[in-house]
Amino acid sequence: TDARTNSIGKFNIENQQIDTINIPTENSGPMGLILSPDKSKIWFTELSSDKFASLDIQTNEIKEYKIKENSGPVFLAFDEKGSLLITLAYSNSVLIIDVTNISDTILNISEITLPKPDFFSPFGIAILKDSEVEKLILSDHSSSRVIVSELDSSLKTYTSLWTSPNTLYPQTLPSQIDLDESGNIYFAQHGGNKISKIDKSGIITEYDVPTVPISTVVYLDASNDGKVWFTEVL
């Protein structure tokens, strides 16, 4: 996603060519993206326009879908049923959409959030299959924690895993989340300037980013060869 040019970028590994596909809505603020389970589409969010959209890989056709105002869609994940989950950072909730039969009008849609008085700003998202249970992993970009909940519980029950205190900012601002093949959870600390790992026992290990005092790490990806790749905005 390229917010500055309002486009989706496509890099061809074989010929090293980069193409951009313009998003119909101006200044849409494209943020997270994910490949569909059948590998036919790229789904992505538009933070500034309160939309999510699909890009057909073969035709480059983009279809946009409007959601409620001031919701702040950020990152996405698919569950085993093929439903698309989107974090809504501004409206403090997670959207669940059945995109298998989606049309111009979104019909099968629901929204989940933490029970009051707790409060969060969901940002990064991942779904972990633990035995026969799907676990929903969410980073809270308004605090210093990652939330783990069984997906079927609709966030009625959950565990908060806290990062270490931060000397620069009040919160460490956990950002994008990714999983490796062993079920370890990795996330970037936007404010804490660290990369964090949560193993299967729930133990958090934090790795300082060499660039100091702040590199603004938001995006990361855990590769299959044991490495975690990430970008530094500053």
Protein backbone atom coordinates (compact mmCIF):
# COMPACT_ATOMS: atom_id res chain seq x y z
CA THR A 1 0.00 0.00 0.00
CA ASP A 2 1.27 3.47 -0.91
CA ALA A 3 -0.59 6.26 0.89
CA ARG A 4 1.45 9.05 -0.70
CA THR A 5 0.49 8.09 -4.26
CA ASN A 6 -2.92 6.68 -3.24
CA SER A 7 -2.22 3.37 -4.92
CA ILE A 8 -1.50 -0.31 -4.52
CA GLY A 9 2.04 -1.20 -5.54
CA LYS A 10 2.92 -4.42 -7.37
CA PHE A 11 6.55 -5.58 -7.56
CA ASN A 12 7.50 -8.19 -10.16
CA ILE A 13 10.38 -10.21 -8.71
CA GLU A 14 11.49 -11.62 -12.08
CA ASN A 15 11.95 -8.36 -13.99
CA GLN A 16 12.29 -6.03 -10.97
CA GLN A 17 9.45 -3.84 -12.25
CA ILE A 18 7.16 -1.87 -9.94
CA ASP A 19 3.66 -0.99 -11.11
CA THR A 20 1.08 1.03 -9.19
CA ILE A 21 -2.68 0.65 -9.39
CA ASN A 22 -4.62 3.80 -8.58
CA ILE A 23 -7.33 3.65 -5.93
CA PRO A 24 -10.63 5.23 -7.10
CA THR A 25 -11.19 7.26 -3.90
CA GLU A 26 -8.81 10.21 -3.61
CA ASN A 27 -6.61 10.44 -0.49
CA SER A 28 -8.02 7.13 0.72
CA GLY A 29 -5.10 6.36 3.04
CA PRO A 30 -4.44 2.71 2.08
CA MET A 31 -3.03 0.83 5.06
CA GLY A 32 -3.09 -2.94 5.56
CA LEU A 33 -3.48 -5.59 2.88
CA ILE A 34 -3.91 -9.35 2.72
CA LEU A 35 -4.15 -12.06 0.07
CA SER A 36 -7.49 -13.85 -0.12
CA PRO A 37 -7.56 -17.57 0.79
CA ASP A 38 -8.14 -18.53 -2.87
CA LYS A 39 -5.27 -16.19 -3.93
CA SER A 40 -7.48 -14.38 -6.45
CA LYS A 41 -7.70 -11.00 -4.72
CA ILE A 42 -5.85 -8.56 -2.53
CA TRP A 43 -8.04 -7.06 0.18
CA PHE A 44 -6.94 -3.76 1.73
CA THR A 45 -8.14 -1.00 4.02
CA GLU A 46 -8.56 2.73 3.41
CA LEU A 47 -7.89 4.46 6.71
CA SER A 48 -8.84 7.99 5.63
CA SER A 49 -12.00 7.16 3.68
CA ASP A 50 -13.47 4.54 6.05
CA LYS A 51 -13.57 1.87 3.36
CA PHE A 52 -12.16 -1.55 2.62
CA ALA A 53 -11.59 -2.80 -0.91
CA SER A 54 -10.60 -5.74 -3.08
CA LEU A 55 -8.14 -5.79 -5.97
CA ASP A 56 -8.58 -8.52 -8.58
CA ILE A 57 -5.09 -9.88 -9.25
CA GLN A 58 -5.81 -10.78 -12.88
CA THR A 59 -7.73 -7.70 -14.00
CA ASN A 60 -6.48 -5.05 -11.50
CA GLU A 61 -10.13 -4.09 -10.90
CA ILE A 62 -10.70 -2.44 -7.51
CA LYS A 63 -14.05 -2.64 -5.70
CA GLU A 64 -14.57 -0.45 -2.64
CA TYR A 65 -16.99 -0.95 0.25
CA LYS A 66 -18.00 1.84 2.63
CA ILE A 67 -18.23 1.23 6.37
CA LYS A 68 -19.30 3.57 9.16
CA GLU A 69 -17.78 7.04 9.50
CA ASN A 70 -14.71 7.65 11.66
CA SER A 71 -14.07 3.94 12.13
CA GLY A 72 -10.40 3.92 11.09
CA PRO A 73 -9.91 0.53 9.35
CA VAL A 74 -6.27 -0.59 9.63
CA PHE A 75 -5.22 -4.25 9.31
CA LEU A 76 -6.97 -7.43 8.15
CA ALA A 77 -7.03 -11.20 8.68
CA PHE A 78 -9.04 -14.17 7.39
CA ASP A 79 -10.45 -16.86 9.67
CA GLU A 80 -10.91 -20.51 8.70
CA LYS A 81 -14.48 -19.89 7.54
CA GLY A 82 -13.29 -17.29 5.03
CA SER A 83 -14.65 -14.32 6.95
CA LEU A 84 -12.61 -11.12 6.76
CA LEU A 85 -11.74 -9.42 10.05
CA ILE A 86 -10.72 -5.74 10.07
CA THR A 87 -9.44 -3.72 13.01
CA LEU A 88 -11.24 -0.40 13.48
CA ALA A 89 -8.81 1.73 15.46
CA TYR A 90 -11.03 4.80 15.79
CA SER A 91 -14.26 3.04 16.74
CA ASN A 92 -12.49 0.62 19.12
CA SER A 93 -13.81 -2.57 17.58
CA VAL A 94 -13.21 -5.38 15.09
CA LEU A 95 -15.38 -5.83 12.01
CA ILE A 96 -16.26 -9.35 10.81
CA ILE A 97 -17.49 -9.62 7.22
CA ASP A 98 -18.58 -12.60 5.15
CA VAL A 99 -16.91 -11.76 1.83
CA THR A 100 -17.70 -15.11 0.17
CA ASN A 101 -20.99 -13.72 -1.19
CA ILE A 102 -20.29 -10.02 -0.98
CA SER A 103 -22.05 -7.66 -3.37
CA ASP A 104 -22.32 -3.88 -3.67
CA THR A 105 -24.36 -3.98 -0.46
CA ILE A 106 -22.71 -5.56 2.57
CA LEU A 107 -25.28 -7.79 4.27
CA ASN A 108 -23.52 -10.26 6.55
CA ILE A 109 -21.49 -8.05 8.85
CA SER A 110 -20.92 -7.93 12.61
CA GLU A 111 -18.77 -5.99 15.06
CA ILE A 112 -17.08 -7.04 18.31
CA THR A 113 -15.33 -5.05 21.04
CA LEU A 114 -14.02 -5.41 24.58
CA PRO A 115 -16.59 -5.45 27.38
CA LYS A 116 -16.81 -2.18 29.29
CA PRO A 117 -15.18 -0.57 31.19
CA ASP A 118 -12.13 -1.85 29.27
CA PHE A 119 -11.19 0.08 26.17
CA PHE A 120 -8.77 -0.41 23.29
CA SER A 121 -7.73 0.80 19.87
CA PRO A 122 -7.23 -2.40 17.83
CA PHE A 123 -4.50 -2.09 15.23
CA GLY A 124 -2.58 -5.22 14.28
CA ILE A 125 -4.45 -8.52 13.91
CA ALA A 126 -3.62 -12.19 13.42
CA ILE A 127 -5.50 -15.47 13.82
CA LEU A 128 -3.64 -18.39 15.40
CA LYS A 129 -4.84 -22.00 15.18
CA ASP A 130 -4.05 -23.58 18.56
CA SER A 131 -5.11 -27.24 18.54
CA GLU A 132 -8.72 -26.98 17.31
CA VAL A 133 -9.26 -23.46 18.61
CA GLU A 134 -8.82 -20.26 16.60
CA LYS A 135 -7.28 -17.49 18.68
CA LEU A 136 -7.67 -13.84 17.83
CA ILE A 137 -4.49 -11.77 18.43
CA LEU A 138 -4.90 -7.98 18.52
CA SER A 139 -2.46 -5.19 19.27
CA ASP A 140 -3.78 -2.25 21.29
CA HIS A 141 -2.42 0.93 19.74
CA SER A 142 -3.74 3.03 22.62
CA SER A 143 -1.69 1.25 25.28
CA SER A 144 1.19 -1.19 25.73
CA ARG A 145 -0.48 -4.57 25.31
CA VAL A 146 -1.45 -7.36 22.98
CA ILE A 147 -4.83 -9.03 23.52
CA VAL A 148 -5.38 -12.77 23.03
CA SER A 149 -8.90 -14.19 22.87
CA GLU A 150 -10.63 -17.25 21.51
CA LEU A 151 -12.27 -16.12 18.28
CA ASP A 152 -15.61 -17.72 19.19
CA SER A 153 -15.79 -15.73 22.43
CA SER A 154 -16.30 -12.45 20.50
CA LEU A 155 -13.84 -10.76 22.92
CA LYS A 156 -16.06 -11.47 25.93
CA THR A 157 -13.09 -13.25 27.53
CA TYR A 158 -9.48 -12.34 26.79
CA THR A 159 -5.95 -12.06 28.15
CA SER A 160 -3.81 -8.90 28.10
CA LEU A 161 -0.08 -9.40 27.53
CA TRP A 162 1.86 -6.25 28.48
CA THR A 163 5.13 -4.99 27.08
CA SER A 164 7.88 -3.47 29.22
CA PRO A 165 7.66 0.21 30.28
CA ASN A 166 8.74 2.80 27.75
CA THR A 167 10.97 5.77 28.61
CA LEU A 168 10.14 7.88 25.54
CA TYR A 169 6.35 7.69 25.32
CA PRO A 170 3.56 6.84 27.77
CA GLN A 171 2.68 3.72 25.73
CA THR A 172 4.72 1.37 23.53
CA LEU A 173 1.95 1.35 20.87
CA PRO A 174 2.06 -2.23 19.54
CA SER A 175 1.47 -2.22 15.79
CA GLN A 176 1.33 -4.89 13.05
CA ILE A 177 1.26 -8.55 14.13
CA ASP A 178 2.52 -11.61 12.28
CA LEU A 179 2.94 -15.32 13.08
CA ASP A 180 5.70 -17.75 12.16
CA GLU A 181 5.16 -21.41 11.25
CA SER A 182 5.80 -22.50 14.86
CA GLY A 183 2.99 -20.36 16.24
CA ASN A 184 5.18 -17.61 17.69
CA ILE A 185 3.64 -14.14 17.64
CA TYR A 186 5.70 -11.15 16.50
CA PHE A 187 4.72 -7.50 16.66
CA ALA A 188 6.36 -4.11 16.26
CA GLN A 189 6.34 -1.50 19.02
CA HIS A 190 5.66 1.80 17.30
CA GLY A 191 6.46 3.84 20.41
CA GLY A 192 8.72 1.39 22.23
CA ASN A 193 11.20 1.08 19.33
CA LYS A 194 11.32 -2.69 19.68
CA ILE A 195 10.35 -5.93 17.96
CA SER A 196 8.54 -8.32 20.31
CA LYS A 197 8.06 -12.06 20.29
CA ILE A 198 5.43 -14.00 22.23
CA ASP A 199 6.07 -17.75 22.40
CA LYS A 200 3.46 -20.45 22.95
CA SER A 201 3.79 -20.20 26.73
CA GLY A 202 2.94 -16.49 26.63
CA ILE A 203 6.45 -15.25 27.44
CA ILE A 204 7.36 -11.95 25.76
CA THR A 205 10.90 -11.34 24.50
CA GLU A 206 11.74 -7.84 23.30
CA TYR A 207 14.48 -6.83 20.87
CA ASP A 208 15.70 -3.24 20.69
CA VAL A 209 15.83 -1.66 17.23
CA PRO A 210 19.38 -0.26 16.72
CA THR A 211 18.15 3.06 15.32
CA VAL A 212 17.59 5.37 18.31
CA PRO A 213 15.86 7.10 19.93
CA ILE A 214 12.90 6.15 17.73
CA SER A 215 12.67 4.46 14.34
CA THR A 216 8.86 4.22 14.19
CA VAL A 217 8.54 0.53 13.37
CA VAL A 218 5.00 -0.30 12.27
CA TYR A 219 5.12 -3.03 9.59
CA LEU A 220 6.76 -6.45 9.88
CA ASP A 221 6.65 -9.94 8.41
CA ALA A 222 7.91 -13.26 9.77
CA SER A 223 9.55 -15.28 6.98
CA ASN A 224 9.79 -19.06 6.73
CA ASP A 225 13.56 -19.08 7.29
CA GLY A 226 13.48 -17.82 10.87
CA LYS A 227 13.83 -14.10 10.19
CA VAL A 228 11.55 -11.17 10.92
CA TRP A 229 11.63 -8.35 8.38
CA PHE A 230 10.43 -4.87 9.31
CA THR A 231 10.49 -1.28 8.10
CA GLU A 232 11.53 1.90 9.92
CA VAL A 233 9.47 4.94 8.97
CA LEU A 234 11.93 7.45 10.44
